[in-house]
Amino acid sequence: MTETIPFKEWQKLNLRIGKILDVKDHPNAEKLYLLDVDLGTEKRTLVAGLKQYYKPEELKGKQCVIFTNLEPATIRGIKSEGMILAAVSKDKSKVILISPEKEVDLGSKVE
């Protein structure tokens, strides 16, 4: 695996449940989507490399885990305000979004 980190480092991560409201093609990148995500108290735009794994209709309306306190990054000219979490197979042929088993309130903290 990788090196271990102190529990205090883990506590710095702010992981929240969000709902994907809309999915658009990134205007400057073939493999990227722009996701409009509702976090309960706010809405954010995320840039995500999910295009080869999901169709827009598979993502729209889906609840997922969002890393909300990741420093914003500008990706191909668009500001991304977080990161959607996914499980990735070793050979990267499968990318599966991490989602709650049942519907939960938007903005719920993942601990």
PDB file of N, CA and C in Angstrom:
ATOM      1  N   MET A   1       0.839  -1.180   0.000  1.00  0.00           N
ATOM      2  CA  MET A   1       0.000   0.000   0.000  1.00  0.00           C
ATOM      3  C   MET A   1       0.887   1.247   0.000  1.00  0.00           C
ATOM      4  N   THR A   2       0.572   2.195   0.874  1.00  0.00           N
ATOM      5  CA  THR A   2       1.366   3.414   0.972  1.00  0.00           C
ATOM      6  C   THR A   2       1.698   3.667   2.434  1.00  0.00           C
ATOM      7  N   GLU A   3       2.433   4.715   2.670  1.00  0.00           N
ATOM      8  CA  GLU A   3       2.780   5.034   4.055  1.00  0.00           C
ATOM      9  C   GLU A   3       1.535   5.428   4.848  1.00  0.00           C
ATOM     10  N   THR A   4       1.603   5.267   6.144  1.00  0.00           N
ATOM     11  CA  THR A   4       0.479   5.634   6.995  1.00  0.00           C
ATOM     12  C   THR A   4       0.550   7.118   7.338  1.00  0.00           C
ATOM     13  N   ILE A   5      -0.599   7.651   7.726  1.00  0.00           N
ATOM     14  CA  ILE A   5      -0.661   9.054   8.138  1.00  0.00           C
ATOM     15  C   ILE A   5      -1.303   9.114   9.515  1.00  0.00           C
ATOM     16  N   PRO A   6      -0.979  10.135  10.282  1.00  0.00           N
ATOM     17  CA  PRO A   6      -1.631  10.285  11.583  1.00  0.00           C
ATOM     18  C   PRO A   6      -3.126  10.560  11.412  1.00  0.00           C
ATOM     19  N   PHE A   7      -3.914  10.132  12.400  1.00  0.00           N
ATOM     20  CA  PHE A   7      -5.355  10.340  12.370  1.00  0.00           C
ATOM     21  C   PHE A   7      -5.703  11.814  12.220  1.00  0.00           C
ATOM     22  N   LYS A   8      -4.903  12.691  12.800  1.00  0.00           N
ATOM     23  CA  LYS A   8      -5.149  14.139  12.692  1.00  0.00           C
ATOM     24  C   LYS A   8      -5.135  14.604  11.235  1.00  0.00           C
ATOM     25  N   GLU A   9      -4.303  13.963  10.413  1.00  0.00           N
ATOM     26  CA  GLU A   9      -4.265  14.314   8.983  1.00  0.00           C
ATOM     27  C   GLU A   9      -5.576  13.910   8.305  1.00  0.00           C
ATOM     28  N   TRP A  10      -6.067  12.725   8.618  1.00  0.00           N
ATOM     29  CA  TRP A  10      -7.340  12.246   8.074  1.00  0.00           C
ATOM     30  C   TRP A  10      -8.466  13.210   8.444  1.00  0.00           C
ATOM     31  N   GLN A  11      -8.444  13.713   9.676  1.00  0.00           N
ATOM     32  CA  GLN A  11      -9.498  14.604  10.141  1.00  0.00           C
ATOM     33  C   GLN A  11      -9.541  15.920   9.370  1.00  0.00           C
ATOM     34  N   LYS A  12      -8.478  16.270   8.694  1.00  0.00           N
ATOM     35  CA  LYS A  12      -8.451  17.504   7.899  1.00  0.00           C
ATOM     36  C   LYS A  12      -9.309  17.402   6.646  1.00  0.00           C
ATOM     37  N   LEU A  13      -9.545  16.179   6.169  1.00  0.00           N
ATOM     38  CA  LEU A  13     -10.332  15.993   4.956  1.00  0.00           C
ATOM     39  C   LEU A  13     -11.796  16.300   5.232  1.00  0.00           C
ATOM     40  N   ASN A  14     -12.400  17.092   4.373  1.00  0.00           N
ATOM     41  CA  ASN A  14     -13.820  17.378   4.487  1.00  0.00           C
ATOM     42  C   ASN A  14     -14.515  16.671   3.320  1.00  0.00           C
ATOM     43  N   LEU A  15     -15.045  15.488   3.609  1.00  0.00           N
ATOM     44  CA  LEU A  15     -15.734  14.687   2.602  1.00  0.00           C
ATOM     45  C   LEU A  15     -17.229  14.800   2.859  1.00  0.00           C
ATOM     46  N   ARG A  16     -17.973  15.196   1.837  1.00  0.00           N
ATOM     47  CA  ARG A  16     -19.413  15.440   1.973  1.00  0.00           C
ATOM     48  C   ARG A  16     -20.179  14.733   0.854  1.00  0.00           C
ATOM     49  N   ILE A  17     -21.440  14.457   1.133  1.00  0.00           N
ATOM     50  CA  ILE A  17     -22.314  13.873   0.119  1.00  0.00           C
ATOM     51  C   ILE A  17     -22.883  14.998  -0.735  1.00  0.00           C
ATOM     52  N   GLY A  18     -22.731  14.831  -2.034  1.00  0.00           N
ATOM     53  CA  GLY A  18     -23.279  15.784  -2.987  1.00  0.00           C
ATOM     54  C   GLY A  18     -24.143  15.060  -4.005  1.00  0.00           C
ATOM     55  N   LYS A  19     -24.917  15.829  -4.736  1.00  0.00           N
ATOM     56  CA  LYS A  19     -25.765  15.271  -5.791  1.00  0.00           C
ATOM     57  C   LYS A  19     -25.419  15.964  -7.096  1.00  0.00           C
ATOM     58  N   ILE A  20     -25.167  15.176  -8.122  1.00  0.00           N
ATOM     59  CA  ILE A  20     -24.833  15.734  -9.434  1.00  0.00           C
ATOM     60  C   ILE A  20     -26.118  16.241 -10.084  1.00  0.00           C
ATOM     61  N   LEU A  21     -26.174  17.550 -10.297  1.00  0.00           N
ATOM     62  CA  LEU A  21     -27.362  18.183 -10.875  1.00  0.00           C
ATOM     63  C   LEU A  21     -27.303  18.230 -12.394  1.00  0.00           C
ATOM     64  N   ASP A  22     -26.101  18.475 -12.923  1.00  0.00           N
ATOM     65  CA  ASP A  22     -25.957  18.622 -14.368  1.00  0.00           C
ATOM     66  C   ASP A  22     -24.575  18.167 -14.794  1.00  0.00           C
ATOM     67  N   VAL A  23     -24.499  17.678 -16.017  1.00  0.00           N
ATOM     68  CA  VAL A  23     -23.239  17.184 -16.600  1.00  0.00           C
ATOM     69  C   VAL A  23     -23.101  17.808 -17.976  1.00  0.00           C
ATOM     70  N   LYS A  24     -21.970  18.480 -18.201  1.00  0.00           N
ATOM     71  CA  LYS A  24     -21.708  19.098 -19.498  1.00  0.00           C
ATOM     72  C   LYS A  24     -20.320  18.683 -19.976  1.00  0.00           C
ATOM     73  N   ASP A  25     -20.124  18.679 -21.269  1.00  0.00           N
ATOM     74  CA  ASP A  25     -18.796  18.447 -21.823  1.00  0.00           C
ATOM     75  C   ASP A  25     -17.913  19.638 -21.505  1.00  0.00           C
ATOM     76  N   HIS A  26     -16.667  19.364 -21.153  1.00  0.00           N
ATOM     77  CA  HIS A  26     -15.696  20.444 -20.953  1.00  0.00           C
ATOM     78  C   HIS A  26     -15.389  21.033 -22.331  1.00  0.00           C
ATOM     79  N   PRO A  27     -15.460  22.348 -22.473  1.00  0.00           N
ATOM     80  CA  PRO A  27     -15.257  22.939 -23.805  1.00  0.00           C
ATOM     81  C   PRO A  27     -13.821  22.810 -24.329  1.00  0.00           C
ATOM     82  N   ASN A  28     -12.862  22.549 -23.445  1.00  0.00           N
ATOM     83  CA  ASN A  28     -11.457  22.516 -23.862  1.00  0.00           C
ATOM     84  C   ASN A  28     -10.768  21.174 -23.625  1.00  0.00           C
ATOM     85  N   ALA A  29     -11.549  20.123 -23.386  1.00  0.00           N
ATOM     86  CA  ALA A  29     -10.935  18.828 -23.110  1.00  0.00           C
ATOM     87  C   ALA A  29     -11.874  17.692 -23.502  1.00  0.00           C
ATOM     88  N   GLU A  30     -11.363  16.748 -24.266  1.00  0.00           N
ATOM     89  CA  GLU A  30     -12.151  15.628 -24.769  1.00  0.00           C
ATOM     90  C   GLU A  30     -12.613  14.652 -23.695  1.00  0.00           C
ATOM     91  N   LYS A  31     -11.802  14.422 -22.661  1.00  0.00           N
ATOM     92  CA  LYS A  31     -12.090  13.377 -21.680  1.00  0.00           C
ATOM     93  C   LYS A  31     -12.718  13.886 -20.384  1.00  0.00           C
ATOM     94  N   LEU A  32     -13.007  15.187 -20.329  1.00  0.00           N
ATOM     95  CA  LEU A  32     -13.489  15.773 -19.078  1.00  0.00           C
ATOM     96  C   LEU A  32     -14.945  16.221 -19.160  1.00  0.00           C
ATOM     97  N   TYR A  33     -15.604  16.131 -18.009  1.00  0.00           N
ATOM     98  CA  TYR A  33     -16.942  16.682 -17.828  1.00  0.00           C
ATOM     99  C   TYR A  33     -16.875  17.851 -16.855  1.00  0.00           C
ATOM    100  N   LEU A  34     -17.852  18.729 -16.962  1.00  0.00           N
ATOM    101  CA  LEU A  34     -18.116  19.734 -15.947  1.00  0.00           C
ATOM    102  C   LEU A  34     -19.350  19.252 -15.194  1.00  0.00           C
ATOM    103  N   LEU A  35     -19.220  19.085 -13.893  1.00  0.00           N
ATOM    104  CA  LEU A  35     -20.318  18.609 -13.062  1.00  0.00           C
ATOM    105  C   LEU A  35     -20.802  19.737 -12.172  1.00  0.00           C
ATOM    106  N   ASP A  36     -22.085  20.008 -12.192  1.00  0.00           N
ATOM    107  CA  ASP A  36     -22.697  20.928 -11.233  1.00  0.00           C
ATOM    108  C   ASP A  36     -23.202  20.066 -10.091  1.00  0.00           C
ATOM    109  N   VAL A  37     -22.681  20.319  -8.882  1.00  0.00           N
ATOM    110  CA  VAL A  37     -22.961  19.473  -7.729  1.00  0.00           C
ATOM    111  C   VAL A  37     -23.618  20.290  -6.620  1.00  0.00           C
ATOM    112  N   ASP A  38     -24.679  19.738  -6.031  1.00  0.00           N
ATOM    113  CA  ASP A  38     -25.371  20.343  -4.899  1.00  0.00           C
ATOM    114  C   ASP A  38     -24.862  19.687  -3.622  1.00  0.00           C
ATOM    115  N   LEU A  39     -24.316  20.506  -2.715  1.00  0.00           N
ATOM    116  CA  LEU A  39     -23.795  20.011  -1.444  1.00  0.00           C
ATOM    117  C   LEU A  39     -24.728  20.340  -0.281  1.00  0.00           C
ATOM    118  N   GLY A  40     -25.954  20.680  -0.584  1.00  0.00           N
ATOM    119  CA  GLY A  40     -26.931  20.988   0.456  1.00  0.00           C
ATOM    120  C   GLY A  40     -26.982  22.464   0.801  1.00  0.00           C
ATOM    121  N   THR A  41     -25.832  23.038   1.172  1.00  0.00           N
ATOM    122  CA  THR A  41     -25.777  24.456   1.532  1.00  0.00           C
ATOM    123  C   THR A  41     -25.171  25.313   0.424  1.00  0.00           C
ATOM    124  N   GLU A  42     -24.617  24.657  -0.577  1.00  0.00           N
ATOM    125  CA  GLU A  42     -24.000  25.387  -1.699  1.00  0.00           C
ATOM    126  C   GLU A  42     -23.926  24.487  -2.924  1.00  0.00           C
ATOM    127  N   LYS A  43     -23.740  25.137  -4.061  1.00  0.00           N
ATOM    128  CA  LYS A  43     -23.536  24.411  -5.314  1.00  0.00           C
ATOM    129  C   LYS A  43     -22.139  24.727  -5.820  1.00  0.00           C
ATOM    130  N   ARG A  44     -21.496  23.718  -6.412  1.00  0.00           N
ATOM    131  CA  ARG A  44     -20.142  23.887  -6.932  1.00  0.00           C
ATOM    132  C   ARG A  44     -20.013  23.252  -8.307  1.00  0.00           C
ATOM    133  N   THR A  45     -18.983  23.708  -9.023  1.00  0.00           N
ATOM    134  CA  THR A  45     -18.619  23.106 -10.302  1.00  0.00           C
ATOM    135  C   THR A  45     -17.345  22.291 -10.097  1.00  0.00           C
ATOM    136  N   LEU A  46     -17.369  21.058 -10.571  1.00  0.00           N
ATOM    137  CA  LEU A  46     -16.193  20.192 -10.520  1.00  0.00           C
ATOM    138  C   LEU A  46     -15.818  19.803 -11.940  1.00  0.00           C
ATOM    139  N   VAL A  47     -14.531  19.675 -12.184  1.00  0.00           N
ATOM    140  CA  VAL A  47     -14.035  19.131 -13.442  1.00  0.00           C
ATOM    141  C   VAL A  47     -13.635  17.694 -13.146  1.00  0.00           C
ATOM    142  N   ALA A  48     -14.173  16.747 -13.916  1.00  0.00           N
ATOM    143  CA  ALA A  48     -13.933  15.335 -13.623  1.00  0.00           C
ATOM    144  C   ALA A  48     -13.618  14.556 -14.895  1.00  0.00           C
ATOM    145  N   GLY A  49     -12.624  13.691 -14.809  1.00  0.00           N
ATOM    146  CA  GLY A  49     -12.210  12.849 -15.935  1.00  0.00           C
ATOM    147  C   GLY A  49     -13.006  11.555 -15.990  1.00  0.00           C
ATOM    148  N   LEU A  50     -14.305  11.687 -16.176  1.00  0.00           N
ATOM    149  CA  LEU A  50     -15.191  10.518 -16.138  1.00  0.00           C
ATOM    150  C   LEU A  50     -15.804  10.164 -17.494  1.00  0.00           C
ATOM    151  N   LYS A  51     -15.484  10.913 -18.508  1.00  0.00           N
ATOM    152  CA  LYS A  51     -16.172  10.790 -19.795  1.00  0.00           C
ATOM    153  C   LYS A  51     -16.066   9.397 -20.417  1.00  0.00           C
ATOM    154  N   GLN A  52     -14.931   8.751 -20.276  1.00  0.00           N
ATOM    155  CA  GLN A  52     -14.788   7.430 -20.900  1.00  0.00           C
ATOM    156  C   GLN A  52     -15.426   6.323 -20.059  1.00  0.00           C
ATOM    157  N   TYR A  53     -15.930   6.666 -18.875  1.00  0.00           N
ATOM    158  CA  TYR A  53     -16.507   5.659 -17.982  1.00  0.00           C
ATOM    159  C   TYR A  53     -18.010   5.818 -17.760  1.00  0.00           C
ATOM    160  N   TYR A  54     -18.529   7.029 -17.928  1.00  0.00           N
ATOM    161  CA  TYR A  54     -19.937   7.307 -17.663  1.00  0.00           C
ATOM    162  C   TYR A  54     -20.540   8.175 -18.756  1.00  0.00           C
ATOM    163  N   LYS A  55     -21.813   7.911 -19.061  1.00  0.00           N
ATOM    164  CA  LYS A  55     -22.591   8.798 -19.920  1.00  0.00           C
ATOM    165  C   LYS A  55     -23.217   9.843 -19.006  1.00  0.00           C
ATOM    166  N   PRO A  56     -23.500  11.030 -19.515  1.00  0.00           N
ATOM    167  CA  PRO A  56     -24.091  12.078 -18.668  1.00  0.00           C
ATOM    168  C   PRO A  56     -25.337  11.620 -17.910  1.00  0.00           C
ATOM    169  N   GLU A  57     -26.194  10.860 -18.575  1.00  0.00           N
ATOM    170  CA  GLU A  57     -27.436  10.420 -17.925  1.00  0.00           C
ATOM    171  C   GLU A  57     -27.187   9.430 -16.779  1.00  0.00           C
ATOM    172  N   GLU A  58     -26.046   8.761 -16.776  1.00  0.00           N
ATOM    173  CA  GLU A  58     -25.696   7.855 -15.676  1.00  0.00           C
ATOM    174  C   GLU A  58     -25.246   8.630 -14.437  1.00  0.00           C
ATOM    175  N   LEU A  59     -24.768   9.836 -14.645  1.00  0.00           N
ATOM    176  CA  LEU A  59     -24.256  10.655 -13.544  1.00  0.00           C
ATOM    177  C   LEU A  59     -25.308  11.589 -12.966  1.00  0.00           C
ATOM    178  N   LYS A  60     -26.138  12.122 -13.824  1.00  0.00           N
ATOM    179  CA  LYS A  60     -27.125  13.125 -13.400  1.00  0.00           C
ATOM    180  C   LYS A  60     -28.066  12.528 -12.344  1.00  0.00           C
ATOM    181  N   GLY A  61     -28.191  13.231 -11.209  1.00  0.00           N
ATOM    182  CA  GLY A  61     -29.058  12.799 -10.130  1.00  0.00           C
ATOM    183  C   GLY A  61     -28.405  11.861  -9.134  1.00  0.00           C
ATOM    184  N   LYS A  62     -27.166  11.462  -9.394  1.00  0.00           N
ATOM    185  CA  LYS A  62     -26.468  10.508  -8.537  1.00  0.00           C
ATOM    186  C   LYS A  62     -25.855  11.202  -7.319  1.00  0.00           C
ATOM    187  N   GLN A  63     -26.010  10.574  -6.145  1.00  0.00           N
ATOM    188  CA  GLN A  63     -25.317  11.040  -4.948  1.00  0.00           C
ATOM    189  C   GLN A  63     -23.915  10.444  -4.950  1.00  0.00           C
ATOM    190  N   CYS A  64     -22.943  11.230  -4.472  1.00  0.00           N
ATOM    191  CA  CYS A  64     -21.554  10.781  -4.472  1.00  0.00           C
ATOM    192  C   CYS A  64     -20.779  11.494  -3.369  1.00  0.00           C
ATOM    193  N   VAL A  65     -19.551  11.033  -3.154  1.00  0.00           N
ATOM    194  CA  VAL A  65     -18.689  11.620  -2.136  1.00  0.00           C
ATOM    195  C   VAL A  65     -17.799  12.672  -2.798  1.00  0.00           C
ATOM    196  N   ILE A  66     -17.790  13.869  -2.206  1.00  0.00           N
ATOM    197  CA  ILE A  66     -17.012  14.992  -2.738  1.00  0.00           C
ATOM    198  C   ILE A  66     -15.989  15.429  -1.699  1.00  0.00           C
ATOM    199  N   PHE A  67     -14.750  15.561  -2.138  1.00  0.00           N
ATOM    200  CA  PHE A  67     -13.662  16.109  -1.317  1.00  0.00           C
ATOM    201  C   PHE A  67     -13.807  17.616  -1.452  1.00  0.00           C
ATOM    202  N   THR A  68     -14.368  18.271  -0.403  1.00  0.00           N
ATOM    203  CA  THR A  68     -14.767  19.671  -0.534  1.00  0.00           C
ATOM    204  C   THR A  68     -13.690  20.685  -0.147  1.00  0.00           C
ATOM    205  N   ASN A  69     -12.722  20.288   0.663  1.00  0.00           N
ATOM    206  CA  ASN A  69     -11.718  21.282   1.064  1.00  0.00           C
ATOM    207  C   ASN A  69     -10.388  21.097   0.333  1.00  0.00           C
ATOM    208  N   LEU A  70     -10.448  20.465  -0.816  1.00  0.00           N
ATOM    209  CA  LEU A  70      -9.291  20.410  -1.702  1.00  0.00           C
ATOM    210  C   LEU A  70      -9.099  21.797  -2.313  1.00  0.00           C
ATOM    211  N   GLU A  71      -7.866  22.234  -2.388  1.00  0.00           N
ATOM    212  CA  GLU A  71      -7.584  23.544  -2.974  1.00  0.00           C
ATOM    213  C   GLU A  71      -8.137  23.600  -4.399  1.00  0.00           C
ATOM    214  N   PRO A  72      -8.894  24.655  -4.758  1.00  0.00           N
ATOM    215  CA  PRO A  72      -9.426  24.757  -6.128  1.00  0.00           C
ATOM    216  C   PRO A  72      -8.292  24.735  -7.160  1.00  0.00           C
ATOM    217  N   ALA A  73      -8.597  24.159  -8.312  1.00  0.00           N
ATOM    218  CA  ALA A  73      -7.610  24.085  -9.397  1.00  0.00           C
ATOM    219  C   ALA A  73      -8.282  24.492 -10.700  1.00  0.00           C
ATOM    220  N   THR A  74      -7.560  25.185 -11.542  1.00  0.00           N
ATOM    221  CA  THR A  74      -8.076  25.530 -12.863  1.00  0.00           C
ATOM    222  C   THR A  74      -7.588  24.460 -13.832  1.00  0.00           C
ATOM    223  N   ILE A  75      -8.556  23.745 -14.419  1.00  0.00           N
ATOM    224  CA  ILE A  75      -8.243  22.632 -15.316  1.00  0.00           C
ATOM    225  C   ILE A  75      -8.748  22.972 -16.705  1.00  0.00           C
ATOM    226  N   ARG A  76      -7.813  23.185 -17.603  1.00  0.00           N
ATOM    227  CA  ARG A  76      -8.131  23.565 -18.975  1.00  0.00           C
ATOM    228  C   ARG A  76      -9.050  24.779 -19.027  1.00  0.00           C
ATOM    229  N   GLY A  77      -8.755  25.768 -18.162  1.00  0.00           N
ATOM    230  CA  GLY A  77      -9.472  27.030 -18.188  1.00  0.00           C
ATOM    231  C   GLY A  77     -10.726  27.096 -17.329  1.00  0.00           C
ATOM    232  N   ILE A  78     -11.097  26.010 -16.666  1.00  0.00           N
ATOM    233  CA  ILE A  78     -12.300  25.985 -15.823  1.00  0.00           C
ATOM    234  C   ILE A  78     -11.883  25.695 -14.380  1.00  0.00           C
ATOM    235  N   LYS A  79     -12.420  26.491 -13.439  1.00  0.00           N
ATOM    236  CA  LYS A  79     -12.103  26.308 -12.024  1.00  0.00           C
ATOM    237  C   LYS A  79     -12.884  25.115 -11.469  1.00  0.00           C
ATOM    238  N   SER A  80     -12.156  24.163 -10.883  1.00  0.00           N
ATOM    239  CA  SER A  80     -12.764  23.000 -10.242  1.00  0.00           C
ATOM    240  C   SER A  80     -12.709  23.212  -8.739  1.00  0.00           C
ATOM    241  N   GLU A  81     -13.877  23.100  -8.079  1.00  0.00           N
ATOM    242  CA  GLU A  81     -13.993  23.435  -6.662  1.00  0.00           C
ATOM    243  C   GLU A  81     -14.173  22.196  -5.790  1.00  0.00           C
ATOM    244  N   GLY A  82     -13.361  21.182  -6.036  1.00  0.00           N
ATOM    245  CA  GLY A  82     -13.412  19.947  -5.267  1.00  0.00           C
ATOM    246  C   GLY A  82     -13.094  18.768  -6.151  1.00  0.00           C
ATOM    247  N   MET A  83     -13.249  17.568  -5.571  1.00  0.00           N
ATOM    248  CA  MET A  83     -12.964  16.346  -6.321  1.00  0.00           C
ATOM    249  C   MET A  83     -13.995  15.284  -5.967  1.00  0.00           C
ATOM    250  N   ILE A  84     -14.501  14.633  -6.985  1.00  0.00           N
ATOM    251  CA  ILE A  84     -15.423  13.529  -6.790  1.00  0.00           C
ATOM    252  C   ILE A  84     -14.583  12.271  -6.559  1.00  0.00           C
ATOM    253  N   LEU A  85     -14.968  11.451  -5.588  1.00  0.00           N
ATOM    254  CA  LEU A  85     -14.176  10.272  -5.260  1.00  0.00           C
ATOM    255  C   LEU A  85     -14.698   9.037  -5.982  1.00  0.00           C
ATOM    256  N   ALA A  86     -13.761   8.202  -6.423  1.00  0.00           N
ATOM    257  CA  ALA A  86     -14.107   6.991  -7.164  1.00  0.00           C
ATOM    258  C   ALA A  86     -13.089   5.897  -6.870  1.00  0.00           C
ATOM    259  N   ALA A  87     -13.524   4.671  -7.030  1.00  0.00           N
ATOM    260  CA  ALA A  87     -12.629   3.517  -6.970  1.00  0.00           C
ATOM    261  C   ALA A  87     -12.130   3.274  -8.391  1.00  0.00           C
ATOM    262  N   VAL A  88     -10.831   2.997  -8.526  1.00  0.00           N
ATOM    263  CA  VAL A  88     -10.221   2.811  -9.838  1.00  0.00           C
ATOM    264  C   VAL A  88      -9.514   1.461  -9.867  1.00  0.00           C
ATOM    265  N   SER A  89      -9.829   0.647 -10.880  1.00  0.00           N
ATOM    266  CA  SER A  89      -9.176  -0.653 -11.004  1.00  0.00           C
ATOM    267  C   SER A  89      -7.691  -0.461 -11.325  1.00  0.00           C
ATOM    268  N   LYS A  90      -6.890  -1.501 -11.037  1.00  0.00           N
ATOM    269  CA  LYS A  90      -5.438  -1.418 -11.251  1.00  0.00           C
ATOM    270  C   LYS A  90      -5.081  -0.988 -12.665  1.00  0.00           C
ATOM    271  N   ASP A  91      -5.779  -1.555 -13.641  1.00  0.00           N
ATOM    272  CA  ASP A  91      -5.464  -1.238 -15.036  1.00  0.00           C
ATOM    273  C   ASP A  91      -6.225  -0.013 -15.547  1.00  0.00           C
ATOM    274  N   LYS A  92      -6.975   0.636 -14.654  1.00  0.00           N
ATOM    275  CA  LYS A  92      -7.735   1.856 -14.949  1.00  0.00           C
ATOM    276  C   LYS A  92      -8.842   1.646 -15.992  1.00  0.00           C
ATOM    277  N   SER A  93      -9.262   0.394 -16.162  1.00  0.00           N
ATOM    278  CA  SER A  93     -10.345   0.115 -17.105  1.00  0.00           C
ATOM    279  C   SER A  93     -11.714   0.378 -16.480  1.00  0.00           C
ATOM    280  N   LYS A  94     -11.767   0.408 -15.145  1.00  0.00           N
ATOM    281  CA  LYS A  94     -13.018   0.675 -14.442  1.00  0.00           C
ATOM    282  C   LYS A  94     -12.826   1.816 -13.457  1.00  0.00           C
ATOM    283  N   VAL A  95     -13.756   2.746 -13.478  1.00  0.00           N
ATOM    284  CA  VAL A  95     -13.814   3.841 -12.505  1.00  0.00           C
ATOM    285  C   VAL A  95     -15.246   3.865 -11.993  1.00  0.00           C
ATOM    286  N   ILE A  96     -15.401   3.620 -10.688  1.00  0.00           N
ATOM    287  CA  ILE A  96     -16.726   3.526 -10.088  1.00  0.00           C
ATOM    288  C   ILE A  96     -16.853   4.590  -9.000  1.00  0.00           C
ATOM    289  N   LEU A  97     -17.846   5.472  -9.134  1.00  0.00           N
ATOM    290  CA  LEU A  97     -18.050   6.518  -8.142  1.00  0.00           C
ATOM    291  C   LEU A  97     -18.376   5.922  -6.783  1.00  0.00           C
ATOM    292  N   ILE A  98     -17.874   6.547  -5.736  1.00  0.00           N
ATOM    293  CA  ILE A  98     -18.194   6.147  -4.374  1.00  0.00           C
ATOM    294  C   ILE A  98     -19.478   6.876  -3.984  1.00  0.00           C
ATOM    295  N   SER A  99     -20.497   6.085  -3.658  1.00  0.00           N
ATOM    296  CA  SER A  99     -21.823   6.627  -3.365  1.00  0.00           C
ATOM    297  C   SER A  99     -22.374   6.014  -2.091  1.00  0.00           C
ATOM    298  N   PRO A 100     -23.256   6.747  -1.399  1.00  0.00           N
ATOM    299  CA  PRO A 100     -23.891   6.137  -0.230  1.00  0.00           C
ATOM    300  C   PRO A 100     -24.803   4.991  -0.667  1.00  0.00           C
ATOM    301  N   GLU A 101     -24.933   4.003   0.202  1.00  0.00           N
ATOM    302  CA  GLU A 101     -25.776   2.843  -0.087  1.00  0.00           C
ATOM    303  C   GLU A 101     -27.245   3.248  -0.231  1.00  0.00           C
ATOM    304  N   LYS A 102     -27.666   4.219   0.578  1.00  0.00           N
ATOM    305  CA  LYS A 102     -29.036   4.721   0.551  1.00  0.00           C
ATOM    306  C   LYS A 102     -28.981   6.239   0.436  1.00  0.00           C
ATOM    307  N   GLU A 103     -30.120   6.838   0.034  1.00  0.00           N
ATOM    308  CA  GLU A 103     -30.197   8.299  -0.033  1.00  0.00           C
ATOM    309  C   GLU A 103     -29.895   8.885   1.348  1.00  0.00           C
ATOM    310  N   VAL A 104     -29.152   9.960   1.370  1.00  0.00           N
ATOM    311  CA  VAL A 104     -28.799  10.644   2.608  1.00  0.00           C
ATOM    312  C   VAL A 104     -28.884  12.141   2.347  1.00  0.00           C
ATOM    313  N   ASP A 105     -29.027  12.950   3.400  1.00  0.00           N
ATOM    314  CA  ASP A 105     -29.113  14.392   3.221  1.00  0.00           C
ATOM    315  C   ASP A 105     -27.884  14.926   2.514  1.00  0.00           C
ATOM    316  N   LEU A 106     -28.090  15.835   1.569  1.00  0.00           N
ATOM    317  CA  LEU A 106     -26.968  16.471   0.888  1.00  0.00           C
ATOM    318  C   LEU A 106     -26.154  17.256   1.904  1.00  0.00           C
ATOM    319  N   GLY A 107     -24.850  17.176   1.775  1.00  0.00           N
ATOM    320  CA  GLY A 107     -23.964  17.862   2.697  1.00  0.00           C
ATOM    321  C   GLY A 107     -23.564  16.997   3.885  1.00  0.00           C
ATOM    322  N   SER A 108     -24.157  15.789   4.001  1.00  0.00           N
ATOM    323  CA  SER A 108     -23.785  14.901   5.107  1.00  0.00           C
ATOM    324  C   SER A 108     -22.286  14.627   5.076  1.00  0.00           C
ATOM    325  N   LYS A 109     -21.670  14.625   6.250  1.00  0.00           N
ATOM    326  CA  LYS A 109     -20.225  14.411   6.384  1.00  0.00           C
ATOM    327  C   LYS A 109     -19.922  12.921   6.295  1.00  0.00           C
ATOM    328  N   VAL A 110     -18.872  12.580   5.578  1.00  0.00           N
ATOM    329  CA  VAL A 110     -18.389  11.206   5.494  1.00  0.00           C
ATOM    330  C   VAL A 110     -17.275  11.067   6.527  1.00  0.00           C
ATOM    331  N   GLU A 111     -17.435  10.135   7.445  1.00  0.00           N
ATOM    332  CA  GLU A 111     -16.449   9.951   8.521  1.00  0.00           C
ATOM    333  C   GLU A 111     -15.924   8.537   8.520  1.00  0.00           C
TER     334      GLU A 111
END
